[in-house]
Amino acid sequence: MNKGLLKTLEKITDEEREILQGKKEIERKRYTTQETFTIESKKMLEEGRLITVRPHTRFVHFPKHNHNYIEVFYVCKGSVTHIINEEKVTVMAGEILFLNQYVAHEILPSGEEDIAINLIVLPEFFDTAFGMIGKDNVLADFIVNTLREKDGVSQYLYFQVAGELQIQNLMENIIYSLVNKQNFENEINQVTMGLLFLNLLNVSKSIKDNTPNQYQNMISMITLKYVEQNYRTATLRELSEMVNVPLSGLSRMIKQSTGYTFKELLQRRRFNKALELLVDTDLSVGDILTAVGYENSSYFYRKFLEREEMTPREYRMKHREERMIHL
């Protein structure tokens, strides 16, 4: 990390100074107005802002809490240990922890050389990033559902990406922009977050697998990336051999994590690719079905009518006409 930026983040804050002078615990009113320890965005963010950066408070145990925003926790130097779902998760320098609004966690005391930051982010900040990683991308859907408010489910993603230079540079760019309050920082940081997500999609194997939940997350992300890239020829058996998980266990794990069976994920990806080819090419429907891996044309036509309520030819004409109008 840039030495000047690190020097800024290493400074003892007013809260840390009070702790070093003998205060035994954090002052909750800095973080919440509620009886339960839910850290509130209105306490952390200036009005109208979607994201801010805050150095993690050292020297003290941070008691169990959750947030009403998304937290991105990044360690710049040293390490910081969280306890999530009764499991210790030690985040090392260069690693990233995403926590949604429902994660309850506590943080063990860290030392002066353990420098970490919290990105405090409202969900709408991620809209640009979600657009950049694609709408009909099942791997993107997994990340979106993890970070967006959904059914009150506690979820987190822990990426061990200390060796990924592009990811380190992108995180540093976001932190630098927020610390120095650059012009157009919101727009710049939204795009930078999108680039960060795109790079994280390429390193899905870096997700931490030290708990059953996170192991399942890791397998799910590998599955979704495999389907995304190999939809034409993908098979559950080949995936089973790749991840060294028995067919029955893998099938159950995929369904539990994504809400879809492997076959449904595959058909969804093929269907969306067929829609794309219908609009962007002059290939016949038969050639499109061959290109995306469909073996049963009658099944495709039946599903197409169910979902789009028109034939493939009508779909092609409709969307091309709409495109011409917008031009």
C-alpha atoms as a PDB file:
ATOM      1  CA  MET A   1       0.000   0.000   0.000  1.00  0.00           C
ATOM      2  CA  ASN A   2       1.081   3.584  -0.671  1.00  0.00           C
ATOM      3  CA  LYS A   3       3.197   4.711   2.306  1.00  0.00           C
ATOM      4  CA  GLY A   4       1.490   8.081   2.578  1.00  0.00           C
ATOM      5  CA  LEU A   5      -1.972   6.523   2.635  1.00  0.00           C
ATOM      6  CA  LEU A   6      -0.886   3.911   5.178  1.00  0.00           C
ATOM      7  CA  LYS A   7       0.590   6.616   7.387  1.00  0.00           C
ATOM      8  CA  THR A   8      -2.769   8.413   7.353  1.00  0.00           C
ATOM      9  CA  LEU A   9      -4.638   5.238   8.302  1.00  0.00           C
ATOM     10  CA  GLU A  10      -2.161   4.407  11.110  1.00  0.00           C
ATOM     11  CA  LYS A  11      -2.933   7.625  13.027  1.00  0.00           C
ATOM     12  CA  ILE A  12      -4.425   7.136  16.489  1.00  0.00           C
ATOM     13  CA  THR A  13      -8.070   8.248  16.411  1.00  0.00           C
ATOM     14  CA  ASP A  14      -9.833  10.109  19.217  1.00  0.00           C
ATOM     15  CA  GLU A  15     -11.690   6.908  20.138  1.00  0.00           C
ATOM     16  CA  GLU A  16      -8.458   4.902  20.251  1.00  0.00           C
ATOM     17  CA  ARG A  17      -6.789   7.588  22.366  1.00  0.00           C
ATOM     18  CA  GLU A  18      -9.545   7.269  24.968  1.00  0.00           C
ATOM     19  CA  ILE A  19      -9.055   3.487  25.016  1.00  0.00           C
ATOM     20  CA  LEU A  20      -5.277   3.844  25.448  1.00  0.00           C
ATOM     21  CA  GLN A  21      -5.946   6.237  28.329  1.00  0.00           C
ATOM     22  CA  GLY A  22      -7.888   3.561  30.187  1.00  0.00           C
ATOM     23  CA  LYS A  23     -11.363   3.248  28.687  1.00  0.00           C
ATOM     24  CA  LYS A  24     -12.245  -0.459  28.769  1.00  0.00           C
ATOM     25  CA  GLU A  25     -14.856  -0.669  26.033  1.00  0.00           C
ATOM     26  CA  ILE A  26     -16.201   1.156  23.023  1.00  0.00           C
ATOM     27  CA  GLU A  27     -18.787   3.892  23.424  1.00  0.00           C
ATOM     28  CA  ARG A  28     -21.945   2.481  21.869  1.00  0.00           C
ATOM     29  CA  LYS A  29     -23.638   5.837  21.336  1.00  0.00           C
ATOM     30  CA  ARG A  30     -21.000   6.567  18.688  1.00  0.00           C
ATOM     31  CA  TYR A  31     -22.544   3.777  16.652  1.00  0.00           C
ATOM     32  CA  THR A  32     -26.230   3.375  17.450  1.00  0.00           C
ATOM     33  CA  THR A  33     -29.342   4.886  19.003  1.00  0.00           C
ATOM     34  CA  GLN A  34     -30.886   1.447  19.546  1.00  0.00           C
ATOM     35  CA  GLU A  35     -30.854  -0.800  22.591  1.00  0.00           C
ATOM     36  CA  THR A  36     -29.685  -3.722  20.482  1.00  0.00           C
ATOM     37  CA  PHE A  37     -26.202  -3.216  19.037  1.00  0.00           C
ATOM     38  CA  THR A  38     -27.036  -2.508  15.418  1.00  0.00           C
ATOM     39  CA  ILE A  39     -24.584   0.003  13.967  1.00  0.00           C
ATOM     40  CA  GLU A  40     -26.611   2.570  12.039  1.00  0.00           C
ATOM     41  CA  SER A  41     -25.658   4.084   8.707  1.00  0.00           C
ATOM     42  CA  LYS A  42     -26.948   7.480   9.867  1.00  0.00           C
ATOM     43  CA  LYS A  43     -24.228   7.459  12.530  1.00  0.00           C
ATOM     44  CA  MET A  44     -21.500   6.542  10.042  1.00  0.00           C
ATOM     45  CA  LEU A  45     -22.480   8.311   6.817  1.00  0.00           C
ATOM     46  CA  GLU A  46     -22.981  11.984   6.071  1.00  0.00           C
ATOM     47  CA  GLU A  47     -26.452  12.691   4.700  1.00  0.00           C
ATOM     48  CA  GLY A  48     -26.677  11.981   0.981  1.00  0.00           C
ATOM     49  CA  ARG A  49     -23.551   9.798   0.842  1.00  0.00           C
ATOM     50  CA  LEU A  50     -23.646   6.159  -0.240  1.00  0.00           C
ATOM     51  CA  ILE A  51     -20.189   5.112   0.956  1.00  0.00           C
ATOM     52  CA  THR A  52     -17.501   6.172   3.400  1.00  0.00           C
ATOM     53  CA  VAL A  53     -14.316   4.768   4.879  1.00  0.00           C
ATOM     54  CA  ARG A  54     -13.561   4.411   8.549  1.00  0.00           C
ATOM     55  CA  PRO A  55     -10.398   3.012  10.176  1.00  0.00           C
ATOM     56  CA  HIS A  56     -11.110  -0.043  12.314  1.00  0.00           C
ATOM     57  CA  THR A  57     -10.862   0.721  16.038  1.00  0.00           C
ATOM     58  CA  ARG A  58      -7.824  -1.041  17.572  1.00  0.00           C
ATOM     59  CA  PHE A  59      -6.824  -1.955  21.121  1.00  0.00           C
ATOM     60  CA  VAL A  60     -10.284  -3.105  22.273  1.00  0.00           C
ATOM     61  CA  HIS A  61     -12.733  -5.951  21.923  1.00  0.00           C
ATOM     62  CA  PHE A  62     -15.533  -4.882  19.589  1.00  0.00           C
ATOM     63  CA  PRO A  63     -18.642  -6.624  20.956  1.00  0.00           C
ATOM     64  CA  LYS A  64     -21.127  -8.638  18.925  1.00  0.00           C
ATOM     65  CA  HIS A  65     -23.085  -6.430  16.559  1.00  0.00           C
ATOM     66  CA  ASN A  66     -24.641  -6.167  13.135  1.00  0.00           C
ATOM     67  CA  HIS A  67     -25.263  -3.233  10.764  1.00  0.00           C
ATOM     68  CA  ASN A  68     -28.097  -1.797   8.712  1.00  0.00           C
ATOM     69  CA  TYR A  69     -25.709  -1.398   5.765  1.00  0.00           C
ATOM     70  CA  ILE A  70     -23.182  -3.540   3.905  1.00  0.00           C
ATOM     71  CA  GLU A  71     -19.683  -3.645   5.375  1.00  0.00           C
ATOM     72  CA  VAL A  72     -16.547  -4.251   3.345  1.00  0.00           C
ATOM     73  CA  PHE A  73     -13.677  -5.001   5.735  1.00  0.00           C
ATOM     74  CA  TYR A  74     -10.143  -4.772   4.329  1.00  0.00           C
ATOM     75  CA  VAL A  75      -6.870  -5.295   6.172  1.00  0.00           C
ATOM     76  CA  CYS A  76      -4.068  -2.985   5.014  1.00  0.00           C
ATOM     77  CA  LYS A  77      -1.394  -4.310   7.379  1.00  0.00           C
ATOM     78  CA  GLY A  78      -1.155  -7.074   9.999  1.00  0.00           C
ATOM     79  CA  SER A  79      -4.323  -9.079  10.731  1.00  0.00           C
ATOM     80  CA  VAL A  80      -7.701  -8.774  12.469  1.00  0.00           C
ATOM     81  CA  THR A  81      -9.786 -11.644  13.856  1.00  0.00           C
ATOM     82  CA  HIS A  82     -13.585 -11.698  13.609  1.00  0.00           C
ATOM     83  CA  ILE A  83     -15.901 -14.216  15.256  1.00  0.00           C
ATOM     84  CA  ILE A  84     -18.777 -15.041  12.893  1.00  0.00           C
ATOM     85  CA  ASN A  85     -21.273 -17.804  13.672  1.00  0.00           C
ATOM     86  CA  GLU A  86     -19.027 -18.932  16.545  1.00  0.00           C
ATOM     87  CA  GLU A  87     -16.093 -19.408  14.139  1.00  0.00           C
ATOM     88  CA  LYS A  88     -12.868 -17.392  14.125  1.00  0.00           C
ATOM     89  CA  VAL A  89     -12.108 -15.728  10.795  1.00  0.00           C
ATOM     90  CA  THR A  90      -8.667 -14.099  10.786  1.00  0.00           C
ATOM     91  CA  VAL A  91      -8.439 -11.601   7.943  1.00  0.00           C
ATOM     92  CA  MET A  92      -4.836 -11.070   6.856  1.00  0.00           C
ATOM     93  CA  ALA A  93      -3.274  -8.095   5.066  1.00  0.00           C
ATOM     94  CA  GLY A  94      -4.676  -7.748   1.552  1.00  0.00           C
ATOM     95  CA  GLU A  95      -7.793  -9.837   2.226  1.00  0.00           C
ATOM     96  CA  ILE A  96     -11.417  -8.710   1.904  1.00  0.00           C
ATOM     97  CA  LEU A  97     -14.482  -9.577   3.955  1.00  0.00           C
ATOM     98  CA  PHE A  98     -17.963  -8.651   2.657  1.00  0.00           C
ATOM     99  CA  LEU A  99     -20.733  -8.762   5.293  1.00  0.00           C
ATOM    100  CA  ASN A 100     -24.406  -8.191   4.537  1.00  0.00           C
ATOM    101  CA  GLN A 101     -26.860  -6.431   6.850  1.00  0.00           C
ATOM    102  CA  TYR A 102     -27.734  -9.536   8.837  1.00  0.00           C
ATOM    103  CA  VAL A 103     -24.292 -10.788   9.839  1.00  0.00           C
ATOM    104  CA  ALA A 104     -23.749 -10.616  13.601  1.00  0.00           C
ATOM    105  CA  HIS A 105     -20.053 -10.655  14.474  1.00  0.00           C
ATOM    106  CA  GLU A 106     -17.570  -9.529  17.058  1.00  0.00           C
ATOM    107  CA  ILE A 107     -13.944  -8.488  16.580  1.00  0.00           C
ATOM    108  CA  LEU A 108     -11.041  -9.381  18.875  1.00  0.00           C
ATOM    109  CA  PRO A 109      -8.622  -6.642  20.013  1.00  0.00           C
ATOM    110  CA  SER A 110      -5.951  -5.733  17.466  1.00  0.00           C
ATOM    111  CA  GLY A 111      -2.593  -4.069  17.945  1.00  0.00           C
ATOM    112  CA  GLU A 112      -1.091  -0.801  16.747  1.00  0.00           C
ATOM    113  CA  GLU A 113       0.426  -2.484  13.673  1.00  0.00           C
ATOM    114  CA  ASP A 114      -2.892  -4.085  12.646  1.00  0.00           C
ATOM    115  CA  ILE A 115      -4.341  -1.545  10.248  1.00  0.00           C
ATOM    116  CA  ALA A 116      -7.775  -2.224   8.754  1.00  0.00           C
ATOM    117  CA  ILE A 117     -10.588  -0.171   7.290  1.00  0.00           C
ATOM    118  CA  ASN A 118     -14.347  -0.473   7.110  1.00  0.00           C
ATOM    119  CA  LEU A 119     -16.118   0.577   3.945  1.00  0.00           C
ATOM    120  CA  ILE A 120     -19.628   1.508   5.059  1.00  0.00           C
ATOM    121  CA  VAL A 121     -21.836   1.070   2.018  1.00  0.00           C
ATOM    122  CA  LEU A 122     -25.538   1.472   1.312  1.00  0.00           C
ATOM    123  CA  PRO A 123     -26.866  -1.268  -1.003  1.00  0.00           C
ATOM    124  CA  GLU A 124     -27.740   1.161  -3.821  1.00  0.00           C
ATOM    125  CA  PHE A 125     -24.049   2.067  -4.160  1.00  0.00           C
ATOM    126  CA  PHE A 126     -23.532  -1.351  -5.790  1.00  0.00           C
ATOM    127  CA  ASP A 127     -26.009  -0.731  -8.624  1.00  0.00           C
ATOM    128  CA  THR A 128     -23.267   0.296 -11.066  1.00  0.00           C
ATOM    129  CA  ALA A 129     -21.105  -2.671 -10.072  1.00  0.00           C
ATOM    130  CA  PHE A 130     -23.998  -5.114 -10.492  1.00  0.00           C
ATOM    131  CA  GLY A 131     -24.668  -3.668 -13.942  1.00  0.00           C
ATOM    132  CA  MET A 132     -21.027  -4.142 -14.923  1.00  0.00           C
ATOM    133  CA  ILE A 133     -20.913  -7.805 -13.955  1.00  0.00           C
ATOM    134  CA  GLY A 134     -24.032  -8.624 -15.978  1.00  0.00           C
ATOM    135  CA  LYS A 135     -27.717  -9.227 -15.422  1.00  0.00           C
ATOM    136  CA  ASP A 136     -28.048 -12.753 -16.802  1.00  0.00           C
ATOM    137  CA  ASN A 137     -24.936 -14.051 -15.117  1.00  0.00           C
ATOM    138  CA  VAL A 138     -25.645 -16.697 -12.495  1.00  0.00           C
ATOM    139  CA  LEU A 139     -22.369 -16.044 -10.697  1.00  0.00           C
ATOM    140  CA  ALA A 140     -23.235 -12.355 -10.495  1.00  0.00           C
ATOM    141  CA  ASP A 141     -26.675 -13.294  -9.162  1.00  0.00           C
ATOM    142  CA  PHE A 142     -25.018 -15.191  -6.327  1.00  0.00           C
ATOM    143  CA  ILE A 143     -23.004 -12.135  -5.273  1.00  0.00           C
ATOM    144  CA  VAL A 144     -26.007  -9.827  -5.671  1.00  0.00           C
ATOM    145  CA  ASN A 145     -28.162 -12.049  -3.466  1.00  0.00           C
ATOM    146  CA  THR A 146     -25.398 -12.254  -0.870  1.00  0.00           C
ATOM    147  CA  LEU A 147     -24.987  -8.500  -0.567  1.00  0.00           C
ATOM    148  CA  ARG A 148     -28.514  -7.241  -1.112  1.00  0.00           C
ATOM    149  CA  GLU A 149     -31.123  -7.355   1.648  1.00  0.00           C
ATOM    150  CA  LYS A 150     -32.787 -10.738   1.201  1.00  0.00           C
ATOM    151  CA  ASP A 151     -35.011 -12.665   3.594  1.00  0.00           C
ATOM    152  CA  GLY A 152     -32.983 -11.663   6.643  1.00  0.00           C
ATOM    153  CA  VAL A 153     -30.304 -14.249   5.874  1.00  0.00           C
ATOM    154  CA  SER A 154     -26.883 -13.697   7.431  1.00  0.00           C
ATOM    155  CA  GLN A 155     -24.252 -14.058   4.714  1.00  0.00           C
ATOM    156  CA  TYR A 156     -20.636 -13.097   4.235  1.00  0.00           C
ATOM    157  CA  LEU A 157     -17.928 -13.625   1.636  1.00  0.00           C
ATOM    158  CA  TYR A 158     -14.263 -13.805   2.611  1.00  0.00           C
ATOM    159  CA  PHE A 159     -11.719 -13.502  -0.219  1.00  0.00           C
ATOM    160  CA  GLN A 160      -8.078 -14.444   0.346  1.00  0.00           C
ATOM    161  CA  VAL A 161      -6.661 -12.252  -2.404  1.00  0.00           C
ATOM    162  CA  ALA A 162      -3.467 -10.844  -0.881  1.00  0.00           C
ATOM    163  CA  GLY A 163      -1.463 -11.962  -3.918  1.00  0.00           C
ATOM    164  CA  GLU A 164      -3.800 -10.421  -6.500  1.00  0.00           C
ATOM    165  CA  LEU A 165      -2.145  -7.136  -7.494  1.00  0.00           C
ATOM    166  CA  GLN A 166      -5.081  -5.776  -9.501  1.00  0.00           C
ATOM    167  CA  ILE A 167      -7.452  -6.303  -6.579  1.00  0.00           C
ATOM    168  CA  GLN A 168      -5.030  -4.632  -4.160  1.00  0.00           C
ATOM    169  CA  ASN A 169      -4.699  -1.628  -6.487  1.00  0.00           C
ATOM    170  CA  LEU A 170      -8.473  -1.289  -6.862  1.00  0.00           C
ATOM    171  CA  MET A 171      -9.050  -1.412  -3.100  1.00  0.00           C
ATOM    172  CA  GLU A 172      -6.306   1.151  -2.562  1.00  0.00           C
ATOM    173  CA  ASN A 173      -7.846   3.426  -5.200  1.00  0.00           C
ATOM    174  CA  ILE A 174     -11.223   3.341  -3.422  1.00  0.00           C
ATOM    175  CA  ILE A 175      -9.678   4.032  -0.015  1.00  0.00           C
ATOM    176  CA  TYR A 176      -7.481   6.848  -1.364  1.00  0.00           C
ATOM    177  CA  SER A 177     -10.448   8.485  -3.081  1.00  0.00           C
ATOM    178  CA  LEU A 178     -12.576   8.410   0.088  1.00  0.00           C
ATOM    179  CA  VAL A 179      -9.798   9.549   2.427  1.00  0.00           C
ATOM    180  CA  ASN A 180      -8.835  12.474   0.180  1.00  0.00           C
ATOM    181  CA  LYS A 181     -12.408  13.382  -0.892  1.00  0.00           C
ATOM    182  CA  GLN A 182     -11.692  13.626  -4.610  1.00  0.00           C
ATOM    183  CA  ASN A 183     -14.021  15.237  -7.123  1.00  0.00           C
ATOM    184  CA  PHE A 184     -16.525  12.826  -8.667  1.00  0.00           C
ATOM    185  CA  GLU A 185     -15.497  10.291  -6.025  1.00  0.00           C
ATOM    186  CA  ASN A 186     -18.909   8.581  -5.953  1.00  0.00           C
ATOM    187  CA  GLU A 187     -18.941   7.933  -9.704  1.00  0.00           C
ATOM    188  CA  ILE A 188     -15.287   6.881  -9.729  1.00  0.00           C
ATOM    189  CA  ASN A 189     -15.719   4.543  -6.775  1.00  0.00           C
ATOM    190  CA  GLN A 190     -18.872   2.920  -8.156  1.00  0.00           C
ATOM    191  CA  VAL A 191     -17.026   2.023 -11.346  1.00  0.00           C
ATOM    192  CA  THR A 192     -13.950   0.928  -9.370  1.00  0.00           C
ATOM    193  CA  MET A 193     -16.143  -1.350  -7.238  1.00  0.00           C
ATOM    194  CA  GLY A 194     -17.476  -2.876 -10.465  1.00  0.00           C
ATOM    195  CA  LEU A 195     -13.909  -3.546 -11.622  1.00  0.00           C
ATOM    196  CA  LEU A 196     -13.170  -5.068  -8.212  1.00  0.00           C
ATOM    197  CA  PHE A 197     -16.150  -7.433  -8.587  1.00  0.00           C
ATOM    198  CA  LEU A 198     -15.066  -8.446 -12.087  1.00  0.00           C
ATOM    199  CA  ASN A 199     -11.627  -9.327 -10.756  1.00  0.00           C
ATOM    200  CA  LEU A 200     -13.109 -11.235  -7.806  1.00  0.00           C
ATOM    201  CA  LEU A 201     -15.149 -13.328 -10.256  1.00  0.00           C
ATOM    202  CA  ASN A 202     -11.862 -14.508 -11.744  1.00  0.00           C
ATOM    203  CA  VAL A 203     -10.511 -15.709  -8.397  1.00  0.00           C
ATOM    204  CA  SER A 204     -13.545 -17.537  -6.997  1.00  0.00           C
ATOM    205  CA  LYS A 205     -11.288 -20.276  -5.596  1.00  0.00           C
ATOM    206  CA  SER A 206      -9.870 -17.692  -3.197  1.00  0.00           C
ATOM    207  CA  ILE A 207     -13.062 -17.671  -1.130  1.00  0.00           C
ATOM    208  CA  LYS A 208     -12.387 -18.950   2.364  1.00  0.00           C
ATOM    209  CA  ASP A 209     -13.649 -22.451   3.105  1.00  0.00           C
ATOM    210  CA  ASN A 210     -12.999 -22.705   6.858  1.00  0.00           C
ATOM    211  CA  THR A 211     -16.682 -23.132   7.770  1.00  0.00           C
ATOM    212  CA  PRO A 212     -19.397 -25.350   6.257  1.00  0.00           C
ATOM    213  CA  ASN A 213     -21.281 -22.267   5.038  1.00  0.00           C
ATOM    214  CA  GLN A 214     -18.202 -20.822   3.369  1.00  0.00           C
ATOM    215  CA  TYR A 215     -17.182 -24.165   1.877  1.00  0.00           C
ATOM    216  CA  GLN A 216     -20.625 -24.386   0.320  1.00  0.00           C
ATOM    217  CA  ASN A 217     -20.266 -20.812  -0.940  1.00  0.00           C
ATOM    218  CA  MET A 218     -16.937 -21.691  -2.537  1.00  0.00           C
ATOM    219  CA  ILE A 219     -18.383 -24.761  -4.303  1.00  0.00           C
ATOM    220  CA  SER A 220     -21.362 -22.702  -5.458  1.00  0.00           C
ATOM    221  CA  MET A 221     -19.199 -19.992  -6.943  1.00  0.00           C
ATOM    222  CA  ILE A 222     -17.021 -22.532  -8.759  1.00  0.00           C
ATOM    223  CA  THR A 223     -20.204 -24.182 -10.057  1.00  0.00           C
ATOM    224  CA  LEU A 224     -21.681 -20.934 -11.302  1.00  0.00           C
ATOM    225  CA  LYS A 225     -18.466 -19.901 -13.007  1.00  0.00           C
ATOM    226  CA  TYR A 226     -18.175 -23.340 -14.602  1.00  0.00           C
ATOM    227  CA  VAL A 227     -21.741 -23.113 -15.977  1.00  0.00           C
ATOM    228  CA  GLU A 228     -21.163 -19.553 -17.163  1.00  0.00           C
ATOM    229  CA  GLN A 229     -18.062 -20.480 -19.138  1.00  0.00           C
ATOM    230  CA  ASN A 230     -18.891 -24.036 -20.265  1.00  0.00           C
ATOM    231  CA  TYR A 231     -22.675 -23.948 -20.754  1.00  0.00           C
ATOM    232  CA  ARG A 232     -22.495 -25.684 -24.147  1.00  0.00           C
ATOM    233  CA  THR A 233     -20.875 -28.900 -22.884  1.00  0.00           C
ATOM    234  CA  ALA A 234     -21.086 -28.671 -19.060  1.00  0.00           C
ATOM    235  CA  THR A 235     -22.026 -31.807 -17.113  1.00  0.00           C
ATOM    236  CA  LEU A 236     -22.546 -32.428 -13.416  1.00  0.00           C
ATOM    237  CA  ARG A 237     -20.180 -35.403 -13.579  1.00  0.00           C
ATOM    238  CA  GLU A 238     -17.328 -33.292 -14.966  1.00  0.00           C
ATOM    239  CA  LEU A 239     -17.932 -30.656 -12.292  1.00  0.00           C
ATOM    240  CA  SER A 240     -18.013 -33.364  -9.609  1.00  0.00           C
ATOM    241  CA  GLU A 241     -14.573 -34.523 -10.693  1.00  0.00           C
ATOM    242  CA  MET A 242     -13.278 -30.932 -10.766  1.00  0.00           C
ATOM    243  CA  VAL A 243     -14.289 -30.121  -7.192  1.00  0.00           C
ATOM    244  CA  ASN A 244     -13.850 -33.666  -5.846  1.00  0.00           C
ATOM    245  CA  VAL A 245     -17.364 -33.834  -4.395  1.00  0.00           C
ATOM    246  CA  PRO A 246     -19.652 -36.878  -4.959  1.00  0.00           C
ATOM    247  CA  LEU A 247     -22.484 -36.342  -7.450  1.00  0.00           C
ATOM    248  CA  SER A 248     -25.320 -36.637  -4.925  1.00  0.00           C
ATOM    249  CA  GLY A 249     -23.684 -34.323  -2.380  1.00  0.00           C
ATOM    250  CA  LEU A 250     -22.770 -31.778  -5.043  1.00  0.00           C
ATOM    251  CA  SER A 251     -26.272 -31.770  -6.476  1.00  0.00           C
ATOM    252  CA  ARG A 252     -27.784 -31.162  -3.040  1.00  0.00           C
ATOM    253  CA  MET A 253     -25.246 -28.437  -2.234  1.00  0.00           C
ATOM    254  CA  ILE A 254     -25.939 -26.561  -5.486  1.00  0.00           C
ATOM    255  CA  LYS A 255     -29.686 -26.620  -4.874  1.00  0.00           C
ATOM    256  CA  GLN A 256     -29.342 -25.400  -1.279  1.00  0.00           C
ATOM    257  CA  SER A 257     -26.954 -22.553  -2.189  1.00  0.00           C
ATOM    258  CA  THR A 258     -28.400 -21.209  -5.427  1.00  0.00           C
ATOM    259  CA  GLY A 259     -32.046 -22.268  -5.305  1.00  0.00           C
ATOM    260  CA  TYR A 260     -31.603 -24.098  -8.627  1.00  0.00           C
ATOM    261  CA  THR A 261     -30.622 -27.613  -9.630  1.00  0.00           C
ATOM    262  CA  PHE A 262     -27.539 -27.997 -11.819  1.00  0.00           C
ATOM    263  CA  LYS A 263     -29.788 -28.744 -14.796  1.00  0.00           C
ATOM    264  CA  GLU A 264     -31.839 -25.608 -14.153  1.00  0.00           C
ATOM    265  CA  LEU A 265     -28.695 -23.465 -13.956  1.00  0.00           C
ATOM    266  CA  LEU A 266     -27.500 -24.942 -17.228  1.00  0.00           C
ATOM    267  CA  GLN A 267     -30.817 -24.458 -19.009  1.00  0.00           C
ATOM    268  CA  ARG A 268     -31.058 -20.894 -17.732  1.00  0.00           C
ATOM    269  CA  ARG A 269     -27.607 -20.000 -19.064  1.00  0.00           C
ATOM    270  CA  ARG A 270     -28.310 -21.644 -22.435  1.00  0.00           C
ATOM    271  CA  PHE A 271     -31.677 -19.936 -22.708  1.00  0.00           C
ATOM    272  CA  ASN A 272     -30.232 -16.485 -21.991  1.00  0.00           C
ATOM    273  CA  LYS A 273     -27.438 -17.041 -24.506  1.00  0.00           C
ATOM    274  CA  ALA A 274     -30.025 -18.079 -27.106  1.00  0.00           C
ATOM    275  CA  LEU A 275     -31.942 -14.828 -26.475  1.00  0.00           C
ATOM    276  CA  GLU A 276     -28.742 -12.872 -26.990  1.00  0.00           C
ATOM    277  CA  LEU A 277     -27.979 -14.643 -30.292  1.00  0.00           C
ATOM    278  CA  LEU A 278     -31.544 -14.168 -31.540  1.00  0.00           C
ATOM    279  CA  VAL A 279     -31.192 -10.404 -31.302  1.00  0.00           C
ATOM    280  CA  ASP A 280     -27.509  -9.956 -32.175  1.00  0.00           C
ATOM    281  CA  THR A 281     -27.119 -12.428 -35.076  1.00  0.00           C
ATOM    282  CA  ASP A 282     -28.964 -13.692 -38.151  1.00  0.00           C
ATOM    283  CA  LEU A 283     -28.412 -17.343 -37.228  1.00  0.00           C
ATOM    284  CA  SER A 284     -31.417 -19.615 -37.665  1.00  0.00           C
ATOM    285  CA  VAL A 285     -33.088 -20.893 -34.514  1.00  0.00           C
ATOM    286  CA  GLY A 286     -31.740 -24.353 -35.282  1.00  0.00           C
ATOM    287  CA  ASP A 287     -28.173 -23.060 -35.542  1.00  0.00           C
ATOM    288  CA  ILE A 288     -28.598 -21.099 -32.317  1.00  0.00           C
ATOM    289  CA  LEU A 289     -29.806 -24.181 -30.469  1.00  0.00           C
ATOM    290  CA  THR A 290     -26.764 -26.097 -31.700  1.00  0.00           C
ATOM    291  CA  ALA A 291     -24.452 -23.228 -30.739  1.00  0.00           C
ATOM    292  CA  VAL A 292     -25.683 -23.065 -27.143  1.00  0.00           C
ATOM    293  CA  GLY A 293     -25.884 -26.832 -26.601  1.00  0.00           C
ATOM    294  CA  TYR A 294     -29.619 -27.602 -26.820  1.00  0.00           C
ATOM    295  CA  GLU A 295     -30.313 -31.139 -27.988  1.00  0.00           C
ATOM    296  CA  ASN A 296     -34.104 -31.004 -27.703  1.00  0.00           C
ATOM    297  CA  SER A 297     -35.614 -28.255 -29.870  1.00  0.00           C
ATOM    298  CA  SER A 298     -39.204 -29.016 -28.819  1.00  0.00           C
ATOM    299  CA  TYR A 299     -38.256 -28.434 -25.169  1.00  0.00           C
ATOM    300  CA  PHE A 300     -36.721 -25.072 -26.106  1.00  0.00           C
ATOM    301  CA  TYR A 301     -39.780 -23.941 -28.063  1.00  0.00           C
ATOM    302  CA  ARG A 302     -42.110 -24.970 -25.225  1.00  0.00           C
ATOM    303  CA  LYS A 303     -40.068 -23.110 -22.595  1.00  0.00           C
ATOM    304  CA  PHE A 304     -39.695 -20.106 -24.878  1.00  0.00           C
ATOM    305  CA  LEU A 305     -43.458 -19.752 -25.268  1.00  0.00           C
ATOM    306  CA  GLU A 306     -43.963 -20.169 -21.510  1.00  0.00           C
ATOM    307  CA  ARG A 307     -41.421 -17.509 -20.600  1.00  0.00           C
ATOM    308  CA  GLU A 308     -41.689 -14.952 -23.424  1.00  0.00           C
ATOM    309  CA  GLU A 309     -45.275 -15.598 -24.585  1.00  0.00           C
ATOM    310  CA  MET A 310     -44.167 -15.369 -28.221  1.00  0.00           C
ATOM    311  CA  THR A 311     -42.186 -17.397 -30.739  1.00  0.00           C
ATOM    312  CA  PRO A 312     -38.409 -16.961 -31.210  1.00  0.00           C
ATOM    313  CA  ARG A 313     -39.053 -15.267 -34.572  1.00  0.00           C
ATOM    314  CA  GLU A 314     -41.492 -12.798 -32.985  1.00  0.00           C
ATOM    315  CA  TYR A 315     -38.984 -12.127 -30.179  1.00  0.00           C
ATOM    316  CA  ARG A 316     -36.251 -11.352 -32.707  1.00  0.00           C
ATOM    317  CA  MET A 317     -38.441  -8.958 -34.680  1.00  0.00           C
ATOM    318  CA  LYS A 318     -39.757  -7.199 -31.568  1.00  0.00           C
ATOM    319  CA  HIS A 319     -36.344  -6.525 -30.067  1.00  0.00           C
ATOM    320  CA  ARG A 320     -34.787  -5.445 -33.328  1.00  0.00           C
ATOM    321  CA  GLU A 321     -37.604  -2.963 -33.845  1.00  0.00           C
ATOM    322  CA  GLU A 322     -37.087  -1.615 -30.328  1.00  0.00           C
ATOM    323  CA  ARG A 323     -33.372  -1.252 -31.001  1.00  0.00           C
ATOM    324  CA  MET A 324     -34.070   0.718 -34.193  1.00  0.00           C
ATOM    325  CA  ILE A 325     -36.432   3.067 -32.323  1.00  0.00           C
ATOM    326  CA  HIS A 326     -33.748   3.822 -29.708  1.00  0.00           C
ATOM    327  CA  LEU A 327     -31.191   4.527 -32.436  1.00  0.00           C
END
